[in-house]
């Protein structure tokens, strides 16, 4: 990866594969739509076959969108010697957009509106709309900056790429709510729906191309924050739009006055946000539980690890003290692991570790704390009961394991410590550890 992004922001490869697939589809769809419109402008028999409203996408617009899609596609392929071709395809729409915007705002253009084809039926021949012109200009500049590898302001390019979506989105909202002044500059000069579709496709394709950058890697990252963003994103997009549609619907049918409609809309929106936020929080909690479980488990044995011992041990001791009870901590060390490793190899040594872990699981209850402390050291903690001998249970389980046809026998040294009201869990572990070493020395 070319840019320094954190581990949690690294893209999820399963998501990335789907995004790249749809990027290729959207680029192809843009080229297909634009090419059909170009054929319609050039060949009248083809124009007769196209549905009504096709000519709302002007020739210059179609050429610009196809050129931008080709420029981005060539840049993605990254073949040697194709950089200049990408620049040419990206630069041509830039000139067409500047000419159109100059003509809109000053009344003077570069005379490029009819250079490709005559638009005889239009009051303003060949002129793309303001929204389309701004989009093409913006996209061309961003794409040229990326092609020329001007990535010193990577976050700025990412932010401008995201803001690019606002242009087709505003025009789409204008179509939905019939706000013609947003997307239309004349009876035959407006941002058509087919143009909007191509604009969304291009903006999506460009953002996915930047997916390895610092900012745009976050939505598809493997981290908890990225997952949270993905859960909320669909609500962020849909709830404001649905709320506005509800408001205008209630106002238009005359069921409520504007103030009443606004009050009901705000109430409905708030309820929806609360419901979706609770659902998102529950899903995040489930994911966090899985991640926490992974971080607290020893990969080889499935027992708790050292990190879990530090947190869960203190919690167990606190609960025992609140109930006026004691806990007992056992500290184990396998006696013959080094001999097994040297004689039979580390794979067999790992089997010894896993067998002893299974013995501990069978000897202690589910509510007890059983952990691999590190290497060949293990720890177990439970509520102290004078009438229950956990070591006796362990030795009985081990006896069965040792009678099976193995290359080794399981042997251990152990120390234990019983808590008082003044002990911390770390104190108990330290005392049990010292007694374990004393047990090991006595054996020798």
Protein backbone atom coordinates (compact mmCIF):
# COMPACT_ATOMS: atom_id res chain seq x y z
CA UNK A 1 0.00 0.00 0.00
CA UNK A 2 1.39 3.33 -0.98
CA UNK A 3 0.08 5.42 1.87
CA UNK A 4 0.56 5.04 5.60
CA UNK A 5 -2.80 3.95 7.00
CA UNK A 6 -3.42 2.32 10.36
CA UNK A 7 -4.05 -1.40 10.79
CA UNK A 8 -7.71 -0.87 11.72
CA UNK A 9 -8.22 1.27 8.59
CA UNK A 10 -6.81 -1.38 6.29
CA UNK A 11 -9.56 -2.44 3.87
CA UNK A 12 -11.49 -5.64 4.43
CA UNK A 13 -10.48 -7.76 1.43
CA UNK A 14 -13.89 -9.41 1.08
CA UNK A 15 -15.56 -5.98 0.86
CA UNK A 16 -12.82 -4.66 -1.40
CA UNK A 17 -13.35 -7.42 -3.95
CA UNK A 18 -17.05 -6.53 -4.28
CA UNK A 19 -16.33 -2.79 -4.50
CA UNK A 20 -13.77 -3.26 -7.28
CA UNK A 21 -16.22 -5.50 -9.17
CA UNK A 22 -18.97 -2.85 -9.01
CA UNK A 23 -16.47 -0.13 -9.91
CA UNK A 24 -15.71 -1.94 -13.16
CA UNK A 25 -19.45 -2.41 -13.79
CA UNK A 26 -20.21 1.28 -13.21
CA UNK A 27 -17.39 2.43 -15.47
CA UNK A 28 -18.65 0.09 -18.19
CA UNK A 29 -22.23 1.32 -17.70
CA UNK A 30 -21.09 4.96 -18.07
CA UNK A 31 -19.28 4.16 -21.32
CA UNK A 32 -22.28 2.19 -22.63
CA UNK A 33 -24.85 4.94 -21.89
CA UNK A 34 -22.61 7.68 -23.25
CA UNK A 35 -21.73 5.73 -26.37
CA UNK A 36 -25.41 5.02 -27.17
CA UNK A 37 -26.22 8.74 -26.77
CA UNK A 38 -23.29 9.65 -29.05
CA UNK A 39 -24.59 7.23 -31.69
CA UNK A 40 -28.02 8.81 -31.34
CA UNK A 41 -26.62 12.27 -32.05
CA UNK A 42 -24.54 11.08 -35.00
CA UNK A 43 -26.96 8.65 -36.67
CA UNK A 44 -30.61 9.66 -37.00
CA UNK A 45 -31.93 6.08 -37.49
CA UNK A 46 -30.47 5.17 -34.11
CA UNK A 47 -31.98 8.31 -32.55
CA UNK A 48 -35.43 7.14 -33.68
CA UNK A 49 -34.95 3.93 -31.67
CA UNK A 50 -34.03 5.70 -28.42
CA UNK A 51 -36.67 6.57 -25.78
CA UNK A 52 -38.04 10.08 -25.37
CA UNK A 53 -35.74 12.42 -23.48
CA UNK A 54 -32.51 10.84 -24.64
CA UNK A 55 -31.38 14.12 -26.23
CA UNK A 56 -31.40 15.83 -22.81
CA UNK A 57 -27.86 14.45 -22.55
CA UNK A 58 -26.07 16.70 -24.99
CA UNK A 59 -23.35 15.44 -27.32
CA UNK A 60 -20.66 17.31 -25.37
CA UNK A 61 -21.96 15.83 -22.12
CA UNK A 62 -21.90 12.28 -23.51
CA UNK A 63 -18.39 12.74 -24.93
CA UNK A 64 -17.16 14.22 -21.64
CA UNK A 65 -18.56 11.42 -19.47
CA UNK A 66 -17.24 8.68 -21.77
CA UNK A 67 -13.82 10.37 -21.93
CA UNK A 68 -13.63 10.61 -18.12
CA UNK A 69 -14.62 6.95 -17.74
CA UNK A 70 -11.95 5.92 -20.25
CA UNK A 71 -9.32 8.11 -18.59
CA UNK A 72 -10.06 6.59 -15.18
CA UNK A 73 -10.16 3.06 -16.62
CA UNK A 74 -6.78 3.50 -18.33
CA UNK A 75 -5.34 4.91 -15.10
CA UNK A 76 -6.65 1.89 -13.14
CA UNK A 77 -5.05 -0.55 -15.61
CA UNK A 78 -1.73 1.29 -15.11
CA UNK A 79 -0.12 -0.08 -18.27
CA UNK A 80 3.32 1.31 -19.24
CA UNK A 81 3.15 4.26 -21.61
CA UNK A 82 -0.58 4.94 -21.11
CA UNK A 83 -0.27 7.94 -18.78
CA UNK A 84 -0.31 10.45 -21.63
CA UNK A 85 -3.46 8.80 -23.03
CA UNK A 86 -5.20 9.16 -19.65
CA UNK A 87 -4.21 12.83 -19.50
CA UNK A 88 -5.60 13.48 -23.00
CA UNK A 89 -8.92 11.78 -22.18
CA UNK A 90 -9.18 13.74 -18.91
CA UNK A 91 -8.15 17.09 -20.41
CA UNK A 92 -10.68 17.17 -23.27
CA UNK A 93 -13.76 17.19 -20.95
CA UNK A 94 -12.08 19.93 -18.92
CA UNK A 95 -12.10 22.24 -21.95
CA UNK A 96 -15.71 21.39 -22.81
CA UNK A 97 -16.85 22.06 -19.24
CA UNK A 98 -15.01 25.41 -19.02
CA UNK A 99 -16.53 26.52 -22.31
CA UNK A 100 -20.05 25.57 -21.15
CA UNK A 101 -19.69 27.32 -17.77
CA UNK A 102 -18.30 30.48 -19.39
CA UNK A 103 -21.27 30.52 -21.73
CA UNK A 104 -23.71 30.09 -18.80
CA UNK A 105 -22.23 32.79 -16.59
CA UNK A 106 -20.88 35.36 -19.07
CA UNK A 107 -22.75 34.66 -22.30
CA UNK A 108 -19.43 33.94 -24.05
CA UNK A 109 -17.95 30.51 -24.68
CA UNK A 110 -15.16 28.97 -26.71
CA UNK A 111 -17.48 27.89 -29.52
CA UNK A 112 -17.11 24.21 -28.58
CA UNK A 113 -20.82 23.50 -28.05
CA UNK A 114 -21.51 22.58 -31.69
CA UNK A 115 -18.03 21.47 -32.71
CA UNK A 116 -18.89 17.75 -32.49
CA UNK A 117 -22.45 17.73 -33.82
CA UNK A 118 -25.18 20.23 -34.75
CA UNK A 119 -27.97 20.53 -32.16
CA UNK A 120 -30.58 22.14 -34.41
CA UNK A 121 -33.61 21.56 -32.16
CA UNK A 122 -32.20 23.31 -29.10
CA UNK A 123 -32.61 26.99 -28.21
CA UNK A 124 -29.06 26.86 -26.83
CA UNK A 125 -27.37 24.31 -29.12
CA UNK A 126 -25.08 21.70 -27.57
CA UNK A 127 -24.87 23.35 -24.14
CA UNK A 128 -24.50 21.08 -21.11
CA UNK A 129 -26.25 22.19 -17.90
CA UNK A 130 -24.52 24.09 -15.09
CA UNK A 131 -24.62 21.08 -12.75
CA UNK A 132 -23.11 18.81 -15.38
CA UNK A 133 -20.45 21.40 -16.27
CA UNK A 134 -19.39 21.81 -12.62
CA UNK A 135 -19.24 18.03 -12.16
CA UNK A 136 -17.16 17.47 -15.33
CA UNK A 137 -14.80 20.33 -14.41
CA UNK A 138 -14.39 19.08 -10.82
CA UNK A 139 -13.90 15.45 -11.86
CA UNK A 140 -11.38 16.33 -14.57
CA UNK A 141 -9.21 18.38 -12.22
CA UNK A 142 -9.26 15.67 -9.53
CA UNK A 143 -8.46 12.94 -12.04
CA UNK A 144 -5.59 14.92 -13.58
CA UNK A 145 -4.14 15.53 -10.09
CA UNK A 146 -4.31 11.79 -9.34
CA UNK A 147 -2.87 10.76 -12.72
CA UNK A 148 0.02 13.20 -12.34
CA UNK A 149 0.61 11.73 -8.83
CA UNK A 150 0.20 15.05 -7.03
CA UNK A 151 -0.61 13.18 -3.80
CA UNK A 152 1.13 15.48 -1.35
CA UNK A 153 -2.33 16.70 -0.28
CA UNK A 154 -3.94 13.26 -0.19
CA UNK A 155 -6.58 14.13 2.42
CA UNK A 156 -7.61 17.17 0.38
CA UNK A 157 -8.08 15.01 -2.74
CA UNK A 158 -10.12 12.54 -0.69
CA UNK A 159 -12.37 15.27 0.72
CA UNK A 160 -12.89 16.81 -2.72
CA UNK A 161 -13.75 13.33 -4.07
CA UNK A 162 -16.41 12.91 -1.38
CA UNK A 163 -17.80 16.41 -1.98
CA UNK A 164 -18.05 15.50 -5.67
CA UNK A 165 -21.02 13.28 -4.75
CA UNK A 166 -22.96 16.37 -3.64
CA UNK A 167 -23.35 17.60 -7.24
CA UNK A 168 -25.38 14.64 -8.60
CA UNK A 169 -27.10 14.22 -5.22
CA UNK A 170 -28.38 17.82 -5.18
CA UNK A 171 -29.61 17.44 -8.75
CA UNK A 172 -31.33 14.14 -7.88
CA UNK A 173 -33.11 15.75 -4.92
CA UNK A 174 -34.18 18.56 -7.25
CA UNK A 175 -35.76 15.97 -9.57
CA UNK A 176 -37.51 14.19 -6.67
CA UNK A 177 -39.03 17.37 -5.22
CA UNK A 178 -39.54 19.04 -8.63
CA UNK A 179 -37.23 21.94 -7.74
CA UNK A 180 -36.47 22.66 -11.39
CA UNK A 181 -34.37 25.77 -10.64
CA UNK A 182 -31.71 23.44 -9.18
CA UNK A 183 -31.10 21.24 -12.23
CA UNK A 184 -32.66 23.15 -15.15
CA UNK A 185 -31.46 26.27 -16.97
CA UNK A 186 -33.94 26.10 -19.86
CA UNK A 187 -36.65 23.92 -21.38
CA UNK A 188 -34.03 21.85 -23.18
CA UNK A 189 -30.97 22.50 -20.95
CA UNK A 190 -31.08 20.49 -17.76
CA UNK A 191 -29.30 17.65 -15.98
CA UNK A 192 -31.13 14.56 -17.20
CA UNK A 193 -31.62 11.35 -15.24
CA UNK A 194 -29.29 9.42 -17.55
CA UNK A 195 -26.64 12.06 -16.96
CA UNK A 196 -27.19 11.79 -13.19
CA UNK A 197 -26.74 8.03 -13.35
CA UNK A 198 -23.41 8.43 -15.16
CA UNK A 199 -22.29 11.10 -12.68
CA UNK A 200 -23.00 8.82 -9.71
CA UNK A 201 -21.18 5.97 -11.46
CA UNK A 202 -18.10 8.11 -12.10
CA UNK A 203 -18.02 9.56 -8.58
CA UNK A 204 -18.30 6.05 -7.11
CA UNK A 205 -15.56 4.70 -9.39
CA UNK A 206 -13.18 7.51 -8.48
CA UNK A 207 -13.77 7.10 -4.73
CA UNK A 208 -13.15 3.33 -4.94
CA UNK A 209 -9.93 3.99 -6.87
CA UNK A 210 -8.81 6.07 -3.86
CA UNK A 211 -9.77 3.34 -1.38
CA UNK A 212 -6.17 2.80 -0.20
CA UNK A 213 -5.74 6.45 0.76
CA UNK A 214 -5.77 7.71 4.34
CA UNK A 215 -9.34 9.01 4.53
CA UNK A 216 -11.30 6.84 2.09
CA UNK A 217 -9.89 3.62 3.57
CA UNK A 218 -11.92 4.19 6.76
CA UNK A 219 -15.41 3.19 5.49
CA UNK A 220 -14.17 -0.24 4.31
CA UNK A 221 -11.61 -0.86 7.06
CA UNK A 222 -11.49 -3.89 9.35
CA UNK A 223 -11.72 -1.75 12.50
CA UNK A 224 -14.70 -1.33 14.81
CA UNK A 225 -15.13 2.33 13.77
CA UNK A 226 -15.29 1.31 10.11
CA UNK A 227 -17.88 -1.34 10.84
CA UNK A 228 -19.92 1.21 12.81
CA UNK A 229 -19.79 3.63 9.86
CA UNK A 230 -21.04 0.95 7.46
CA UNK A 231 -23.97 0.16 9.75
CA UNK A 232 -25.02 3.81 9.99
CA UNK A 233 -24.30 4.88 6.41
CA UNK A 234 -27.56 3.62 4.88
CA UNK A 235 -29.54 5.45 7.58
CA UNK A 236 -27.53 8.64 7.08
CA UNK A 237 -28.50 8.59 3.39
CA UNK A 238 -32.14 7.54 3.63
CA UNK A 239 -33.60 9.11 6.78
CA UNK A 240 -33.20 12.81 5.76
CA UNK A 241 -34.61 12.04 2.30
CA UNK A 242 -37.57 10.08 3.69
CA UNK A 243 -38.24 12.83 6.24
CA UNK A 244 -38.36 15.51 3.55
CA UNK A 245 -40.63 13.35 1.39
CA UNK A 246 -42.97 12.80 4.35
CA UNK A 247 -43.10 16.54 5.07
CA UNK A 248 -43.93 17.50 1.48
CA UNK A 249 -46.48 14.70 1.17
CA UNK A 250 -48.39 15.81 4.28
CA UNK A 251 -48.23 19.45 3.16
CA UNK A 252 -49.31 18.74 -0.43
CA UNK A 253 -52.36 16.62 0.37
CA UNK A 254 -53.61 19.25 2.81
CA UNK A 255 -53.87 16.80 5.70
CA UNK A 256 -51.86 19.11 7.96
CA UNK A 257 -50.61 22.66 7.90
CA UNK A 258 -46.91 23.27 7.41
CA UNK A 259 -46.22 23.66 11.15
CA UNK A 260 -48.09 20.46 12.03
CA UNK A 261 -46.42 18.59 9.18
CA UNK A 262 -43.01 19.80 10.36
CA UNK A 263 -43.74 18.72 13.96
CA UNK A 264 -44.85 15.24 12.86
CA UNK A 265 -41.87 14.89 10.52
CA UNK A 266 -39.39 15.80 13.27
CA UNK A 267 -41.06 13.34 15.65
CA UNK A 268 -41.00 10.51 13.09
CA UNK A 269 -37.37 11.27 12.20
CA UNK A 270 -36.30 11.25 15.86
CA UNK A 271 -38.04 7.91 16.49
CA UNK A 272 -36.41 6.39 13.40
CA UNK A 273 -32.96 7.63 14.46
CA UNK A 274 -33.42 6.14 17.95
CA UNK A 275 -34.57 2.78 16.55
CA UNK A 276 -31.76 2.58 14.02
CA UNK A 277 -29.17 3.78 16.56
CA UNK A 278 -30.24 1.06 19.01
CA UNK A 279 -30.06 -1.54 16.27
CA UNK A 280 -26.62 -0.31 15.23
CA UNK A 281 -25.41 -0.26 18.86
CA UNK A 282 -26.59 -3.85 19.36
CA UNK A 283 -24.75 -5.01 16.25
CA UNK A 284 -21.61 -3.17 17.34
CA UNK A 285 -21.80 -4.73 20.80
CA UNK A 286 -22.06 -8.18 19.22
CA UNK A 287 -19.02 -7.49 17.05
CA UNK A 288 -17.10 -6.04 19.98
CA UNK A 289 -17.90 -9.17 22.02
CA UNK A 290 -16.42 -11.34 19.27
CA UNK A 291 -13.33 -9.15 18.99
CA UNK A 292 -12.89 -9.04 22.76
CA UNK A 293 -13.22 -12.81 22.94
CA UNK A 294 -10.54 -13.17 20.27
CA UNK A 295 -8.19 -10.78 22.09
CA UNK A 296 -8.71 -12.58 25.42
CA UNK A 297 -8.17 -16.13 24.16
CA UNK A 298 -4.95 -18.07 23.66
CA UNK A 299 -4.90 -19.14 20.03
CA UNK A 300 -3.36 -22.58 20.61
CA UNK A 301 -5.40 -23.83 23.58
CA UNK A 302 -8.58 -21.74 23.52
CA UNK A 303 -8.00 -20.84 27.19
CA UNK A 304 -7.95 -17.28 28.44
CA UNK A 305 -4.63 -15.46 27.97
CA UNK A 306 -2.52 -13.19 30.15
CA UNK A 307 -4.53 -10.10 29.16
CA UNK A 308 -7.77 -11.76 30.25
CA UNK A 309 -6.23 -12.87 33.56
CA UNK A 310 -5.35 -9.28 34.48
CA UNK A 311 -8.92 -8.07 33.90
CA UNK A 312 -11.07 -11.06 34.86
CA UNK A 313 -8.99 -11.96 37.91
CA UNK A 314 -9.57 -8.62 39.60
CA UNK A 315 -13.27 -8.88 38.80
CA UNK A 316 -13.50 -12.40 40.30
CA UNK A 317 -11.70 -11.31 43.48
CA UNK A 318 -13.93 -8.24 43.87
CA UNK A 319 -17.07 -10.36 43.60
CA UNK A 320 -15.72 -12.90 46.12
CA UNK A 321 -14.89 -10.17 48.63
CA UNK A 322 -18.36 -8.64 48.26
CA UNK A 323 -19.82 -12.08 49.15
CA UNK A 324 -17.37 -12.51 52.06
CA UNK A 325 -15.73 -15.44 50.29
CA UNK A 326 -12.18 -16.29 49.25
CA UNK A 327 -10.74 -17.44 45.95
CA UNK A 328 -7.91 -19.87 45.39
CA UNK A 329 -5.36 -19.35 42.63
CA UNK A 330 -3.35 -22.28 41.20
CA UNK A 331 -0.17 -21.63 39.23
CA UNK A 332 1.00 -24.56 37.05
CA UNK A 333 4.23 -25.22 35.17
CA UNK A 334 4.78 -28.20 32.84
CA UNK A 335 7.89 -30.05 33.95
CA UNK A 336 8.91 -31.89 30.82
CA UNK A 337 8.06 -29.56 27.92
CA UNK A 338 11.68 -28.75 27.07
CA UNK A 339 12.61 -32.45 27.02
CA UNK A 340 9.67 -33.26 24.72
CA UNK A 341 10.55 -30.35 22.40
CA UNK A 342 14.20 -31.41 22.19
CA UNK A 343 13.42 -35.09 21.68
CA UNK A 344 10.32 -35.07 19.46
CA UNK A 345 10.06 -31.53 18.10
CA UNK A 346 7.88 -28.52 18.82
CA UNK A 347 4.78 -29.98 17.15
CA UNK A 348 4.68 -32.74 19.75
CA UNK A 349 5.44 -30.17 22.46
CA UNK A 350 2.43 -28.16 21.30
CA UNK A 351 0.29 -31.31 21.59
CA UNK A 352 1.47 -31.65 25.19
CA UNK A 353 0.42 -28.06 25.92
CA UNK A 354 -3.00 -28.61 24.33
CA UNK A 355 -3.54 -31.88 26.22
CA UNK A 356 -2.80 -30.21 29.55
CA UNK A 357 -5.16 -27.36 28.62
CA UNK A 358 -7.92 -29.93 27.96
CA UNK A 359 -7.25 -31.49 31.36
CA UNK A 360 -7.66 -28.10 33.04
CA UNK A 361 -10.91 -27.44 31.18
CA UNK A 362 -12.35 -30.79 32.32
CA UNK A 363 -11.22 -30.29 35.93
CA UNK A 364 -12.57 -26.80 36.50
CA UNK A 365 -16.07 -25.39 36.05
CA UNK A 366 -17.18 -22.94 33.35
CA UNK A 367 -17.45 -20.08 35.86
CA UNK A 368 -13.84 -20.63 36.97
CA UNK A 369 -10.94 -18.71 35.42
CA UNK A 370 -8.60 -21.05 33.50
CA UNK A 371 -5.80 -19.50 31.44
CA UNK A 372 -2.53 -20.12 29.70
CA UNK A 373 -0.32 -17.59 31.42
CA UNK A 374 2.46 -17.90 28.87
CA UNK A 375 4.71 -20.61 27.39
CA UNK A 376 4.32 -23.70 29.59
CA UNK A 377 2.72 -21.80 32.51
CA UNK A 378 -0.98 -22.03 33.31
CA UNK A 379 -3.25 -20.45 35.88
CA UNK A 380 -6.61 -21.43 37.35
CA UNK A 381 -8.74 -19.51 39.86
CA UNK A 382 -12.05 -20.37 41.50
CA UNK A 383 -14.09 -19.76 44.66
CA UNK A 384 -12.37 -21.54 47.55
CA UNK A 385 -14.26 -24.49 48.95
CA UNK A 386 -12.54 -26.70 51.52
CA UNK A 387 -14.65 -29.68 50.51
CA UNK A 388 -13.61 -29.65 46.84
CA UNK A 389 -10.12 -30.68 45.73
CA UNK A 390 -9.59 -29.39 42.20
CA UNK A 391 -6.11 -30.92 41.99
CA UNK A 392 -7.54 -34.35 42.70
CA UNK A 393 -9.95 -33.87 39.79
CA UNK A 394 -7.04 -32.75 37.60
CA UNK A 395 -4.88 -35.75 38.49
CA UNK A 396 -7.71 -38.16 37.72
CA UNK A 397 -8.23 -36.58 34.28
CA UNK A 398 -4.47 -36.58 33.62
CA UNK A 399 -4.18 -40.25 34.55
CA UNK A 400 -6.50 -41.16 31.69
CA UNK A 401 -4.52 -38.97 29.28
CA UNK A 402 -1.20 -40.45 30.38
CA UNK A 403 -2.42 -44.03 29.82
CA UNK A 404 -3.21 -43.26 26.17
CA UNK A 405 -0.54 -44.08 23.58
CA UNK A 406 1.41 -40.82 23.63
CA UNK A 407 5.08 -40.04 23.19
CA UNK A 408 5.00 -38.17 26.50
CA UNK A 409 3.40 -38.09 29.92
CA UNK A 410 1.91 -34.92 31.40
CA UNK A 411 3.78 -33.75 34.50
CA UNK A 412 3.45 -30.46 36.32
CA UNK A 413 4.53 -28.43 39.34
CA UNK A 414 1.95 -26.30 41.10
CA UNK A 415 1.61 -23.67 43.77
CA UNK A 416 -1.56 -22.18 45.17
CA UNK A 417 -2.63 -19.16 47.21
CA UNK A 418 -5.90 -18.42 49.04
CA UNK A 419 -7.10 -14.82 49.18
CA UNK A 420 -7.67 -12.62 52.23
CA UNK A 421 -9.62 -9.36 52.34
CA UNK A 422 -6.41 -7.38 51.82
CA UNK A 423 -5.02 -9.30 48.81
CA UNK A 424 -5.05 -8.13 45.24
CA UNK A 425 -5.22 -10.68 42.45
CA UNK A 426 -1.63 -9.87 41.49
CA UNK A 427 -0.58 -10.72 45.08
CA UNK A 428 -2.23 -14.13 44.79
CA UNK A 429 -0.55 -14.87 41.46
CA UNK A 430 2.83 -13.88 42.87
CA UNK A 431 2.46 -16.11 45.96
CA UNK A 432 1.20 -19.05 43.90
CA UNK A 433 4.10 -18.59 41.46
CA UNK A 434 6.67 -18.64 44.28
CA UNK A 435 5.16 -21.81 45.76
CA UNK A 436 5.13 -23.44 42.33
CA UNK A 437 8.88 -22.86 41.97
CA UNK A 438 9.36 -24.22 45.49
CA UNK A 439 7.41 -27.34 44.45
CA UNK A 440 9.62 -27.70 41.34
CA UNK A 441 12.81 -27.38 43.43
CA UNK A 442 11.55 -29.95 45.94
CA UNK A 443 10.91 -32.43 43.11
CA UNK A 444 14.48 -32.03 41.86
